[in-house]
Protein backbone atom coordinates (compact mmCIF):
# COMPACT_ATOMS: atom_id res chain seq x y z
CA MET A 1 -6.16 3.97 -24.92
CA ASN A 2 -2.83 3.52 -23.13
CA SER A 3 -2.91 1.07 -20.21
CA LEU A 4 -1.99 3.63 -17.55
CA LEU A 5 -4.86 5.95 -18.53
CA GLU A 6 -7.24 2.98 -18.71
CA ASP A 7 -6.15 1.77 -15.25
CA ALA A 8 -6.65 5.23 -13.86
CA GLN A 9 -10.12 5.62 -15.32
CA LYS A 10 -11.21 2.22 -14.12
CA ALA A 11 -9.89 2.86 -10.62
CA GLY A 12 -11.63 6.22 -10.42
CA GLU A 13 -14.94 4.81 -11.74
CA ARG A 14 -15.00 2.17 -8.99
CA VAL A 15 -15.32 4.88 -6.35
CA GLY A 16 -17.51 7.29 -8.33
CA LEU A 17 -14.85 9.61 -9.78
CA LYS A 18 -16.08 10.84 -13.19
CA SER A 19 -13.07 12.88 -14.27
CA ASP A 20 -9.40 11.90 -14.47
CA LYS A 21 -8.10 15.50 -14.08
CA ILE A 22 -7.81 18.01 -11.31
CA VAL A 23 -6.53 21.60 -11.65
CA ILE A 24 -4.79 22.80 -8.52
CA ARG A 25 -3.79 26.42 -7.82
CA GLY A 26 -0.90 26.26 -5.39
CA GLY A 27 0.54 28.43 -2.69
CA LYS A 28 -2.15 27.93 -0.04
CA PRO A 29 -1.40 26.10 3.22
CA LEU A 30 -3.50 23.04 4.05
CA ASN A 31 -5.34 23.59 7.30
CA GLY A 32 -8.01 21.53 9.03
CA ARG A 33 -8.97 18.04 10.02
CA ILE A 34 -9.32 14.82 8.03
CA THR A 35 -9.91 11.18 8.99
CA VAL A 36 -8.00 8.07 7.94
CA ARG A 37 -9.68 4.69 8.16
CA GLY A 38 -8.48 1.14 7.67
CA ALA A 39 -5.17 0.47 5.91
CA LYS A 40 -5.37 -0.52 2.28
CA ASN A 41 -2.55 -3.01 2.88
CA LEU A 42 -4.52 -4.75 5.61
CA VAL A 43 -8.17 -4.40 4.53
CA THR A 44 -7.68 -6.05 1.13
CA LYS A 45 -5.80 -8.98 2.67
CA ALA A 46 -8.35 -9.35 5.47
CA MET A 47 -11.07 -9.62 2.79
CA VAL A 48 -9.14 -12.51 1.21
CA ALA A 49 -8.73 -14.18 4.62
CA ALA A 50 -12.52 -14.37 4.88
CA LEU A 51 -12.35 -17.10 2.18
CA LEU A 52 -10.78 -19.41 4.76
CA GLY A 53 -13.75 -19.30 7.19
CA GLN A 54 -16.70 -21.63 7.48
CA THR A 55 -18.90 -18.77 8.67
CA PRO A 56 -19.22 -15.06 7.65
CA SER A 57 -16.67 -12.44 8.63
CA LEU A 58 -17.33 -8.79 9.59
CA LEU A 59 -14.63 -6.24 8.76
CA LYS A 60 -14.87 -2.66 10.12
CA ASP A 61 -13.25 0.69 9.20
CA VAL A 62 -13.15 -0.32 5.51
CA PRO A 63 -12.20 2.69 3.35
CA GLU A 64 -13.97 3.50 0.14
CA ILE A 65 -10.99 2.98 -2.18
CA SER A 66 -10.66 1.34 -5.58
CA ASP A 67 -8.53 -1.62 -4.39
CA VAL A 68 -11.29 -2.64 -1.93
CA GLU A 69 -13.80 -2.72 -4.85
CA VAL A 70 -11.35 -4.85 -6.88
CA VAL A 71 -11.12 -7.43 -4.11
CA ARG A 72 -14.88 -7.31 -3.52
CA GLY A 73 -15.44 -8.07 -7.23
CA LEU A 74 -12.98 -10.95 -7.12
CA LEU A 75 -14.61 -12.44 -4.04
CA GLU A 76 -18.06 -12.13 -5.58
CA VAL A 77 -17.12 -13.96 -8.77
CA HIS A 78 -15.84 -16.72 -6.53
CA GLY A 79 -19.25 -17.00 -4.86
CA VAL A 80 -18.63 -14.97 -1.71
CA VAL A 81 -21.63 -12.85 -0.76
CA VAL A 82 -20.46 -9.34 0.24
CA THR A 83 -22.85 -6.88 1.88
CA GLN A 84 -22.46 -3.59 3.71
CA PRO A 85 -24.44 -3.72 6.98
CA ALA A 86 -23.26 -0.18 7.94
CA PRO A 87 -21.00 2.52 6.45
CA GLY A 88 -17.42 1.35 6.59
CA GLU A 89 -18.35 -2.27 7.25
CA LEU A 90 -18.26 -5.35 5.05
CA LEU A 91 -19.95 -8.68 5.81
CA LEU A 92 -18.27 -11.45 3.84
CA ASP A 93 -20.02 -14.83 3.58
CA PRO A 94 -17.88 -17.54 1.92
CA VAL A 95 -20.38 -20.43 2.30
CA GLY A 96 -21.01 -20.60 -1.46
CA VAL A 97 -17.41 -20.30 -2.66
CA LYS A 98 -16.87 -21.66 -6.14
CA SER A 99 -14.44 -21.61 -9.07
CA ALA A 100 -14.55 -18.61 -11.30
CA HIS A 101 -13.95 -18.35 -15.04
CA PHE A 102 -10.70 -16.74 -16.22
CA ALA A 103 -12.55 -13.94 -18.01
CA GLU A 104 -14.39 -12.98 -14.81
CA ILE A 105 -11.22 -12.95 -12.75
CA ASP A 106 -9.34 -10.96 -15.35
CA ALA A 107 -12.16 -8.41 -15.68
CA HIS A 108 -12.13 -7.60 -11.97
CA ALA A 109 -8.43 -7.96 -11.34
CA GLY A 110 -7.31 -5.33 -13.81
CA SER A 111 -3.85 -4.25 -12.83
CA SER A 112 -4.17 -5.43 -9.21
CA ARG A 113 -1.68 -7.91 -7.70
CA ILE A 114 -4.16 -9.09 -5.09
CA PRO A 115 -5.25 -12.26 -7.01
CA ILE A 116 -1.99 -14.01 -6.14
CA LEU A 117 -3.11 -14.06 -2.49
CA PHE A 118 -6.30 -15.93 -3.41
CA CYS A 119 -4.20 -19.01 -4.26
CA GLY A 120 -3.79 -20.58 -0.82
CA PRO A 121 -7.41 -20.09 0.33
CA LEU A 122 -8.81 -21.29 -3.01
CA LEU A 123 -6.55 -24.35 -3.00
CA HIS A 124 -7.87 -25.19 0.46
CA GLN A 125 -11.50 -24.58 -0.47
CA LEU A 126 -11.60 -25.80 -4.04
CA GLY A 127 -8.40 -27.67 -4.76
CA GLU A 128 -7.49 -25.28 -7.55
CA ALA A 129 -6.88 -21.61 -8.28
CA PHE A 130 -6.28 -19.47 -11.35
CA ILE A 131 -4.61 -16.06 -11.48
CA PRO A 132 -4.23 -13.80 -14.54
CA ASP A 133 -1.10 -11.89 -15.43
CA LEU A 134 -0.45 -9.49 -12.58
CA GLY A 135 -0.13 -5.72 -12.76
CA GLY A 136 0.06 -3.04 -10.05
CA CYS A 137 1.95 0.20 -9.73
CA ARG A 138 4.88 0.63 -12.09
CA ILE A 139 7.46 1.03 -9.40
CA GLY A 140 9.54 -2.12 -9.86
CA ASP A 141 9.65 -5.72 -10.93
CA ARG A 142 7.86 -7.15 -7.88
CA PRO A 143 8.37 -10.73 -9.06
CA ILE A 144 5.86 -13.34 -7.88
CA ASP A 145 8.57 -16.01 -7.66
CA PHE A 146 8.56 -15.76 -3.83
CA HIS A 147 4.80 -16.58 -3.88
CA LEU A 148 5.06 -19.43 -6.33
CA ASP A 149 8.07 -20.98 -4.58
CA ALA A 150 6.21 -20.86 -1.30
CA LEU A 151 3.09 -22.45 -2.79
CA ARG A 152 5.20 -25.22 -4.35
CA ALA A 153 6.77 -25.85 -0.94
CA PHE A 154 3.23 -26.46 0.38
CA GLY A 155 2.67 -29.01 -2.38
CA ALA A 156 0.90 -26.92 -5.00
CA VAL A 157 1.42 -27.75 -8.66
CA VAL A 158 2.04 -24.59 -10.65
CA ASP A 159 1.15 -24.54 -14.34
CA LYS A 160 2.13 -21.36 -16.17
CA GLN A 161 -0.19 -20.74 -19.10
CA PRO A 162 -0.22 -18.00 -21.77
CA ASN A 163 -2.90 -15.92 -19.99
CA GLY A 164 -2.00 -16.66 -16.38
CA ILE A 165 -1.16 -19.35 -13.84
CA HIS A 166 -3.24 -22.43 -12.92
CA LEU A 167 -2.54 -24.07 -9.59
CA THR A 168 -3.72 -27.37 -8.17
CA ALA A 169 -3.09 -29.31 -4.93
CA PRO A 170 -3.66 -33.02 -5.70
CA ASP A 171 -2.70 -34.06 -2.18
CA GLY A 172 -3.76 -30.91 -0.33
CA LEU A 173 -1.37 -28.42 1.16
CA LYS A 174 1.17 -29.64 3.69
CA GLY A 175 3.21 -27.62 6.22
CA ALA A 176 6.66 -26.62 5.02
CA ASN A 177 9.91 -24.96 6.05
CA ILE A 178 10.22 -21.73 4.08
CA ALA A 179 12.97 -19.13 4.16
CA LEU A 180 12.29 -15.96 2.19
CA PRO A 181 15.30 -14.41 0.41
CA TYR A 182 13.85 -10.99 1.31
CA PRO A 183 11.25 -10.17 4.01
CA SER A 184 8.52 -9.56 1.41
CA VAL A 185 5.15 -8.47 2.78
CA GLY A 186 3.22 -10.17 0.01
CA ALA A 187 5.09 -13.43 0.28
CA THR A 188 4.63 -13.44 4.09
CA GLU A 189 0.90 -12.94 3.62
CA GLN A 190 0.90 -15.80 1.10
CA VAL A 191 2.52 -18.15 3.56
CA LEU A 192 0.16 -17.17 6.39
CA LEU A 193 -2.98 -17.58 4.29
CA SER A 194 -1.75 -20.94 2.94
CA ALA A 195 -0.30 -22.41 6.15
CA VAL A 196 -3.22 -21.93 8.56
CA LEU A 197 -5.20 -24.84 7.07
CA ALA A 198 -2.21 -26.84 5.80
CA GLU A 199 -1.55 -30.23 7.37
CA GLY A 200 1.35 -29.96 9.86
CA VAL A 201 3.57 -27.19 10.98
CA THR A 202 5.03 -24.36 8.84
CA GLU A 203 8.17 -22.49 9.76
CA LEU A 204 8.66 -19.17 7.97
CA LYS A 205 12.06 -17.52 8.25
CA ASN A 206 12.90 -13.95 7.24
CA ALA A 207 9.24 -12.94 7.42
CA ALA A 208 7.93 -9.42 7.09
CA ILE A 209 6.80 -7.97 10.45
CA GLU A 210 4.94 -4.87 9.32
CA PRO A 211 1.97 -3.74 11.51
CA GLU A 212 -0.38 -4.87 8.73
CA ILE A 213 1.13 -8.37 8.97
CA THR A 214 0.58 -8.40 12.72
CA ASP A 215 -2.99 -7.27 12.22
CA LEU A 216 -3.55 -10.11 9.67
CA ILE A 217 -2.10 -12.60 12.18
CA MET A 218 -4.58 -11.26 14.80
CA ILE A 219 -7.43 -11.83 12.32
CA LEU A 220 -6.34 -15.36 11.58
CA GLN A 221 -5.97 -16.10 15.31
CA LYS A 222 -9.55 -14.89 15.83
CA MET A 223 -10.56 -17.40 13.13
CA GLY A 224 -8.98 -20.28 15.04
CA ALA A 225 -5.42 -20.32 13.67
CA ILE A 226 -2.37 -21.11 15.81
CA ILE A 227 0.43 -18.70 14.92
CA THR A 228 3.53 -17.95 16.93
CA VAL A 229 5.77 -14.99 16.12
CA GLU A 230 9.32 -15.72 17.25
CA PRO A 231 12.35 -13.41 17.42
CA ASN A 232 14.51 -12.81 14.31
CA ARG A 233 11.59 -12.66 11.83
CA THR A 234 10.54 -16.26 12.37
CA ILE A 235 6.88 -17.31 12.35
CA PHE A 236 5.51 -20.79 13.18
CA ILE A 237 2.02 -21.76 11.97
CA GLU A 238 0.37 -24.97 13.24
CA GLY A 239 -2.23 -26.07 10.73
CA VAL A 240 -5.78 -26.57 11.98
CA ASP A 241 -8.73 -28.51 10.48
CA GLU A 242 -11.07 -25.58 10.02
CA LEU A 243 -11.48 -21.87 10.62
CA ARG A 244 -14.49 -19.70 11.41
CA GLY A 245 -15.31 -16.13 10.44
CA TYR A 246 -13.96 -13.14 12.27
CA GLU A 247 -15.06 -9.71 13.48
CA HIS A 248 -12.27 -7.16 13.27
CA ARG A 249 -11.59 -3.43 13.08
CA ALA A 250 -8.76 -2.74 10.67
CA ILE A 251 -5.58 -1.03 11.69
CA PHE A 252 -5.36 2.61 10.47
CA ASP A 253 -3.65 3.52 7.18
CA ARG A 254 -0.24 4.73 8.29
CA ASN A 255 0.75 5.44 4.65
CA GLU A 256 -2.15 7.80 4.16
CA ALA A 257 -1.46 9.50 7.52
CA ALA A 258 2.23 10.04 6.58
CA SER A 259 1.18 11.42 3.18
CA TRP A 260 -1.09 14.07 4.72
CA ALA A 261 1.64 14.88 7.25
CA SER A 262 4.08 15.50 4.37
CA ALA A 263 1.46 17.68 2.66
CA ALA A 264 1.05 19.75 5.80
CA LEU A 265 4.82 20.27 6.02
CA ALA A 266 5.34 21.07 2.35
CA THR A 267 2.48 23.64 2.23
CA GLU A 268 3.43 25.22 5.62
CA GLY A 269 0.08 24.06 6.89
CA ASP A 270 -1.52 22.48 9.95
CA VAL A 271 -3.43 19.17 9.56
CA PHE A 272 -5.00 17.01 12.22
CA VAL A 273 -5.13 13.38 11.07
CA GLU A 274 -7.87 11.71 13.03
CA GLY A 275 -7.28 7.97 13.47
CA ALA A 276 -3.47 8.15 13.22
CA LYS A 277 -1.56 6.47 16.03
CA GLN A 278 1.96 7.06 17.25
CA GLN A 279 3.25 3.51 17.57
CA ASP A 280 3.06 2.54 13.91
CA LEU A 281 4.46 5.91 12.75
CA MET A 282 7.38 6.23 15.11
CA THR A 283 10.09 5.92 12.41
CA PHE A 284 8.29 8.46 10.22
CA LEU A 285 7.80 10.84 13.13
CA ASN A 286 11.54 10.86 13.85
CA ILE A 287 12.37 11.90 10.31
CA PHE A 288 9.51 14.40 10.24
CA ARG A 289 10.91 16.07 13.33
CA LYS A 290 14.51 16.00 12.01
CA VAL A 291 13.34 17.84 8.82
CA GLY A 292 11.78 20.51 11.04
CA GLY A 293 8.15 19.45 11.16
CA ALA A 294 6.14 19.46 14.38
CA PHE A 295 3.51 17.10 15.66
CA ASP A 296 1.25 16.69 18.72
CA ILE A 297 0.06 13.26 19.74
CA HIS A 298 -3.59 13.07 20.81
CA GLU A 299 -5.78 10.15 21.82
CA ASP A 300 -7.86 10.42 18.67
CA GLY A 301 -5.15 11.32 16.20
CA ILE A 302 -1.98 13.32 15.44
CA ARG A 303 -1.65 16.99 14.55
CA PHE A 304 1.05 17.64 11.92
CA TYR A 305 2.21 21.18 11.23
CA HIS A 306 5.00 23.44 10.03
CA PRO A 307 6.13 25.40 13.11
CA GLY A 308 7.85 28.11 11.09
CA GLY A 309 11.53 28.53 10.42
CA THR A 310 13.74 26.71 7.97
CA LEU A 311 13.40 23.06 7.05
CA LYS A 312 16.56 20.97 7.41
CA PRO A 313 18.01 18.41 4.99
CA VAL A 314 18.08 14.74 5.99
CA VAL A 315 19.48 11.40 4.84
CA VAL A 316 16.85 8.68 4.63
CA GLU A 317 17.23 4.98 3.89
CA THR A 318 14.03 3.11 3.10
CA ASP A 319 13.73 -0.37 4.55
CA VAL A 320 11.25 -3.02 5.65
CA HIS A 321 9.54 -2.44 9.02
CA PRO A 322 10.59 -1.16 11.48
CA GLY A 323 12.61 0.91 9.02
CA PHE A 324 11.44 3.95 7.06
CA MET A 325 8.79 2.73 4.64
CA THR A 326 9.30 3.12 0.91
CA ASP A 327 5.72 4.42 0.69
CA TRP A 328 6.74 7.39 2.90
CA GLN A 329 9.67 8.70 0.90
CA GLN A 330 7.72 9.88 -2.15
CA PRO A 331 5.46 12.45 -0.33
CA LEU A 332 8.37 13.43 1.92
CA ILE A 333 10.61 14.26 -1.03
CA VAL A 334 8.28 17.10 -1.98
CA ALA A 335 8.75 18.64 1.49
CA LEU A 336 12.54 18.14 1.13
CA THR A 337 12.55 20.45 -1.90
CA LYS A 338 11.82 23.18 0.68
CA ALA A 339 14.71 22.22 2.96
CA GLU A 340 17.82 24.34 3.04
CA GLY A 341 20.68 22.12 1.88
CA THR A 342 21.09 18.65 0.35
CA SER A 343 19.01 15.65 1.30
CA VAL A 344 19.64 12.11 0.16
CA VAL A 345 17.01 9.35 -0.07
CA HIS A 346 18.31 5.81 -0.55
CA GLU A 347 15.55 3.61 -1.97
CA THR A 348 16.32 -0.02 -1.15
CA VAL A 349 12.93 -1.66 -1.63
CA TYR A 350 11.76 -0.92 -5.17
CA GLU A 351 14.05 -0.23 -8.14
CA ASN A 352 11.79 2.20 -10.04
CA ARG A 353 10.23 4.23 -7.27
CA PHE A 354 11.89 7.55 -8.24
CA GLY A 355 10.08 7.81 -11.59
CA PHE A 356 7.74 10.39 -10.08
CA THR A 357 10.59 12.84 -9.58
CA GLU A 358 10.64 13.63 -13.30
CA ALA A 359 7.51 15.72 -12.88
CA LEU A 360 8.96 17.45 -9.79
CA ILE A 361 12.07 18.36 -11.80
CA GLU A 362 9.83 19.77 -14.54
CA MET A 363 8.16 21.86 -11.85
CA GLY A 364 11.52 23.33 -10.77
CA ALA A 365 12.84 20.90 -8.17
CA ASN A 366 16.62 20.22 -8.02
CA ILE A 367 16.66 16.42 -7.83
CA VAL A 368 19.29 14.08 -9.24
CA VAL A 369 18.50 10.38 -9.35
CA HIS A 370 21.44 7.99 -9.22
CA LYS A 371 20.20 4.79 -10.97
CA ASP A 372 22.74 2.53 -9.25
CA GLY A 373 22.58 4.12 -5.86
CA LEU A 374 25.46 5.84 -4.07
CA ALA A 375 28.46 3.78 -3.01
CA GLY A 376 31.03 4.60 -0.35
CA VAL A 377 28.66 6.28 2.09
CA THR A 378 27.96 5.34 5.72
CA ARG A 379 24.84 3.24 5.79
CA ARG A 380 22.62 1.59 8.40
CA VAL A 381 20.58 -0.37 5.87
CA PRO A 382 22.58 -2.97 3.91
CA ARG A 383 23.06 -2.01 0.25
CA ARG A 384 20.92 -3.91 -2.30
CA PRO A 385 21.80 -4.49 -5.95
CA LEU A 386 18.61 -2.85 -7.24
CA GLU A 387 18.70 0.27 -5.08
CA GLN A 388 18.67 3.89 -6.29
CA ALA A 389 19.37 7.19 -4.61
CA ALA A 390 17.80 10.62 -5.02
CA VAL A 391 19.72 13.76 -4.09
CA ILE A 392 17.44 16.72 -3.35
CA THR A 393 18.97 20.19 -3.13
CA GLY A 394 16.86 23.05 -1.82
CA PRO A 395 15.14 25.18 -1.15
CA THR A 396 13.55 25.51 -4.57
CA LYS A 397 10.32 27.14 -5.64
CA LEU A 398 8.05 24.91 -7.70
CA HIS A 399 5.87 26.20 -10.49
CA GLY A 400 2.73 24.80 -12.01
CA ALA A 401 2.86 22.13 -14.73
CA ASP A 402 0.81 19.49 -16.51
CA VAL A 403 1.53 16.21 -14.74
CA ARG A 404 0.45 12.63 -15.38
CA VAL A 405 0.19 10.38 -12.30
CA PRO A 406 2.49 7.34 -12.68
CA ASP A 407 1.62 5.34 -9.56
CA LEU A 408 -0.26 5.56 -6.27
CA ARG A 409 2.24 7.21 -3.92
CA GLY A 410 3.92 9.17 -6.70
CA GLY A 411 0.47 10.49 -7.68
CA PHE A 412 -0.23 11.81 -4.20
CA SER A 413 3.25 13.39 -4.21
CA HIS A 414 2.28 15.25 -7.40
CA LEU A 415 -0.82 16.59 -5.63
CA ILE A 416 1.42 17.90 -2.82
CA ALA A 417 3.83 19.45 -5.34
CA ALA A 418 0.96 21.20 -7.09
CA LEU A 419 -0.35 22.50 -3.76
CA THR A 420 3.05 24.09 -3.03
CA ALA A 421 3.68 25.41 -6.57
CA GLU A 422 3.23 28.91 -7.91
CA GLY A 423 0.42 29.00 -10.49
CA ALA A 424 -1.88 26.25 -11.67
CA SER A 425 -1.11 22.58 -12.29
CA THR A 426 -3.23 20.07 -14.15
CA ILE A 427 -2.88 16.56 -12.69
CA SER A 428 -4.27 13.77 -14.88
CA ASN A 429 -4.76 10.01 -14.23
CA VAL A 430 -5.92 10.96 -10.70
CA GLY A 431 -8.03 7.81 -10.57
CA ILE A 432 -4.90 5.89 -9.61
CA ILE A 433 -4.75 7.89 -6.37
CA SER A 434 -8.18 6.48 -5.46
CA ARG A 435 -6.61 3.03 -5.24
CA GLY A 436 -5.31 3.89 -1.76
CA TYR A 437 -6.58 7.35 -0.67
CA GLU A 438 -10.20 7.48 0.44
CA HIS A 439 -12.21 10.56 -0.65
CA PHE A 440 -8.99 12.48 -1.38
CA ILE A 441 -10.86 15.11 -3.39
CA ASP A 442 -13.23 15.77 -0.48
CA LYS A 443 -10.28 15.89 1.96
CA LEU A 444 -8.51 18.46 -0.15
CA ARG A 445 -11.70 20.53 0.00
CA GLN A 446 -11.91 20.10 3.78
CA LEU A 447 -8.35 21.36 4.14
CA GLY A 448 -8.98 24.48 2.07
CA ALA A 449 -7.06 23.62 -1.08
CA ASP A 450 -7.70 25.82 -4.11
CA PHE A 451 -8.66 23.51 -6.99
CA THR A 452 -11.16 22.69 -9.66
CA TYR A 453 -12.46 19.23 -10.18
CA GLU A 454 -15.45 18.24 -12.29
CA GLY A 455 -16.79 14.87 -11.25
């Protein structure tokens, strides 16, 4: 069995999906109301943070997604007792934390990259940590060098072995001055989770400042950490002797909200996304409006809809927060195939994030990917050596096709494309979508999509 199919099946099984295929008959607008809960990119990290506490933590608004189940399994093999006191809540008790065998870690980790974030907390609690080879979505290199360099700066000893990486901290972790070469979200999380119990003060320069990072800092502060966010992406962390558990309601998943917004626009529909909030979507909302989409802000969510008329082409440059997120461009590109004229998306974060466009081209989209980006154009975001550009010319009518999901956001984009296409499309490897989209099959049903799914 190829690894992608195996990953998809395992991911789907974790949340009760029994089939890896869905058949969608397109041409029907999505209309209705769905709910988004806690952000995948916060919830999974908040679960890891519970390892640092001396008492249990309670996390609320936890979505039923595959990545949550992966982290739960990893915590449990390390002795953390995880229970569900109410729907959407997890109680995490780290009192019995212990070392885990490589085989157990590897069995639960699968293709997830989350294990790297266990290193700091486990080094504090146990004096050692082991992580297997890391996987994740096939959208770019995503090297872990940033993580390992940061851990070495804290005093960790890194031993690369054939089946993974073993880390020890003979003298404990000490505060450090760390400057990231790029404001990586994962590396920023690594520093935060490692620095809060390290001896002394840590200064982190060029840190990521995504809303999920802010939410993680709020969690750590609740636990007893001392963290100061300074201007110019600088964070100071004063190490403390111990931390307690937290009670926290996770920030909403802005990536899922933007995905359903793009689906509403592409299908000429009208979708109310309960739980979505304006502040963390402001950059997306600007582009959504420029394309020709409409939205209404409400206290309990945001209504996204196609107001009629012609969609307009746009130029988008992905960037770290507060820029336009790389996770937003994939679903949006499907809507841009309906715009009249030529749109350009400059991808500056991941070097392989346009792989999903191959299926769109097969479905009839006019998309040209420039592997080395486009030079000589006016830019707001500084050019990066790894960047690519996609030029989308529309409007084009998409037609049904057999499509294999390549990654999380690309997979959801394929669902949107199938929903807009003439005829039927068979989407396989849909289990990958369950890594970050809670109950997406049920939500498609709620919005009136025409599809067949057995499982």
